[in-house]
């Protein structure tokens, strides 16, 4: 795994946990958040150009709500 992908996975996982949308214990939340971060990166590659119309954090939250 590249350093860039590992860094992105860590940032996504911490954001998902911070948003507290999964409703599990800390370990359940971490495991699920990490799994969802992988899925998010598969759908939105690291080179995705985030613009004004599509906000990065809003996209993550929408993605989480669709994949609970």
C-alpha atoms as a PDB file:
ATOM      1  CA  UNK A   1       0.000   0.000   0.000  1.00  0.00           C
ATOM      2  CA  UNK A   2       1.372   3.401  -0.923  1.00  0.00           C
ATOM      3  CA  UNK A   3       2.025   6.006   1.756  1.00  0.00           C
ATOM      4  CA  UNK A   4      -0.550   8.270   0.116  1.00  0.00           C
ATOM      5  CA  UNK A   5      -3.254   5.593   0.253  1.00  0.00           C
ATOM      6  CA  UNK A   6      -2.367   4.669   3.848  1.00  0.00           C
ATOM      7  CA  UNK A   7      -2.552   8.325   4.864  1.00  0.00           C
ATOM      8  CA  UNK A   8      -5.906   8.756   3.109  1.00  0.00           C
ATOM      9  CA  UNK A   9      -7.289   5.614   4.783  1.00  0.00           C
ATOM     10  CA  UNK A  10      -6.190   6.889   8.191  1.00  0.00           C
ATOM     11  CA  UNK A  11      -7.753  10.313   7.604  1.00  0.00           C
ATOM     12  CA  UNK A  12     -11.011   8.817   6.313  1.00  0.00           C
ATOM     13  CA  UNK A  13     -11.195   6.346   9.192  1.00  0.00           C
ATOM     14  CA  UNK A  14     -10.658   9.075  11.791  1.00  0.00           C
ATOM     15  CA  UNK A  15     -13.242  11.313  10.110  1.00  0.00           C
ATOM     16  CA  UNK A  16     -15.822   8.509  10.057  1.00  0.00           C
ATOM     17  CA  UNK A  17     -15.214   7.760  13.744  1.00  0.00           C
ATOM     18  CA  UNK A  18     -15.417  11.474  14.617  1.00  0.00           C
ATOM     19  CA  UNK A  19     -18.756  11.811  12.825  1.00  0.00           C
ATOM     20  CA  UNK A  20     -20.099   8.947  15.009  1.00  0.00           C
ATOM     21  CA  UNK A  21     -22.627   7.741  12.421  1.00  0.00           C
ATOM     22  CA  UNK A  22     -22.021   4.016  12.880  1.00  0.00           C
ATOM     23  CA  UNK A  23     -23.316   3.601  16.446  1.00  0.00           C
ATOM     24  CA  UNK A  24     -21.106   0.760  17.679  1.00  0.00           C
ATOM     25  CA  UNK A  25     -18.484   0.204  20.319  1.00  0.00           C
ATOM     26  CA  UNK A  26     -15.084   1.807  19.712  1.00  0.00           C
ATOM     27  CA  UNK A  27     -13.598  -1.383  18.218  1.00  0.00           C
ATOM     28  CA  UNK A  28     -16.688  -2.150  16.127  1.00  0.00           C
ATOM     29  CA  UNK A  29     -16.713   1.446  14.916  1.00  0.00           C
ATOM     30  CA  UNK A  30     -13.003   1.380  14.022  1.00  0.00           C
ATOM     31  CA  UNK A  31     -13.307  -1.883  12.085  1.00  0.00           C
ATOM     32  CA  UNK A  32     -16.395  -0.702  10.214  1.00  0.00           C
ATOM     33  CA  UNK A  33     -14.929   2.766   9.605  1.00  0.00           C
ATOM     34  CA  UNK A  34     -11.744   1.246   8.172  1.00  0.00           C
ATOM     35  CA  UNK A  35     -13.768  -1.083   5.936  1.00  0.00           C
ATOM     36  CA  UNK A  36     -15.901   1.811   4.687  1.00  0.00           C
ATOM     37  CA  UNK A  37     -12.806   3.969   4.118  1.00  0.00           C
ATOM     38  CA  UNK A  38     -11.473   1.246   1.784  1.00  0.00           C
ATOM     39  CA  UNK A  39     -14.786   1.165  -0.103  1.00  0.00           C
ATOM     40  CA  UNK A  40     -14.821   4.972  -0.335  1.00  0.00           C
ATOM     41  CA  UNK A  41     -11.342   5.050  -1.873  1.00  0.00           C
ATOM     42  CA  UNK A  42     -12.398   2.362  -4.374  1.00  0.00           C
ATOM     43  CA  UNK A  43     -15.342   4.522  -5.450  1.00  0.00           C
ATOM     44  CA  UNK A  44     -13.500   7.857  -5.256  1.00  0.00           C
ATOM     45  CA  UNK A  45      -9.840   7.364  -6.246  1.00  0.00           C
ATOM     46  CA  UNK A  46      -7.131   9.403  -4.545  1.00  0.00           C
ATOM     47  CA  UNK A  47      -6.750  11.606  -7.619  1.00  0.00           C
ATOM     48  CA  UNK A  48     -10.416  12.716  -7.525  1.00  0.00           C
ATOM     49  CA  UNK A  49     -10.599  16.445  -8.128  1.00  0.00           C
ATOM     50  CA  UNK A  50     -12.924  17.778  -5.432  1.00  0.00           C
ATOM     51  CA  UNK A  51     -14.584  21.000  -6.515  1.00  0.00           C
ATOM     52  CA  UNK A  52     -16.925  23.533  -5.021  1.00  0.00           C
ATOM     53  CA  UNK A  53     -20.055  21.689  -6.157  1.00  0.00           C
ATOM     54  CA  UNK A  54     -19.130  18.428  -4.439  1.00  0.00           C
ATOM     55  CA  UNK A  55     -17.756  18.827  -0.953  1.00  0.00           C
ATOM     56  CA  UNK A  56     -15.419  16.093   0.260  1.00  0.00           C
ATOM     57  CA  UNK A  57     -16.842  15.753   3.793  1.00  0.00           C
ATOM     58  CA  UNK A  58     -20.457  15.874   2.587  1.00  0.00           C
ATOM     59  CA  UNK A  59     -19.652  13.151   0.056  1.00  0.00           C
ATOM     60  CA  UNK A  60     -18.168  10.960   2.801  1.00  0.00           C
ATOM     61  CA  UNK A  61     -21.260  11.398   4.990  1.00  0.00           C
ATOM     62  CA  UNK A  62     -23.598  10.637   2.073  1.00  0.00           C
ATOM     63  CA  UNK A  63     -21.511   7.560   1.267  1.00  0.00           C
ATOM     64  CA  UNK A  64     -21.697   6.378   4.901  1.00  0.00           C
ATOM     65  CA  UNK A  65     -25.442   6.849   5.051  1.00  0.00           C
ATOM     66  CA  UNK A  66     -25.839   4.743   1.900  1.00  0.00           C
ATOM     67  CA  UNK A  67     -23.525   1.978   3.164  1.00  0.00           C
ATOM     68  CA  UNK A  68     -24.638   1.446   6.780  1.00  0.00           C
END
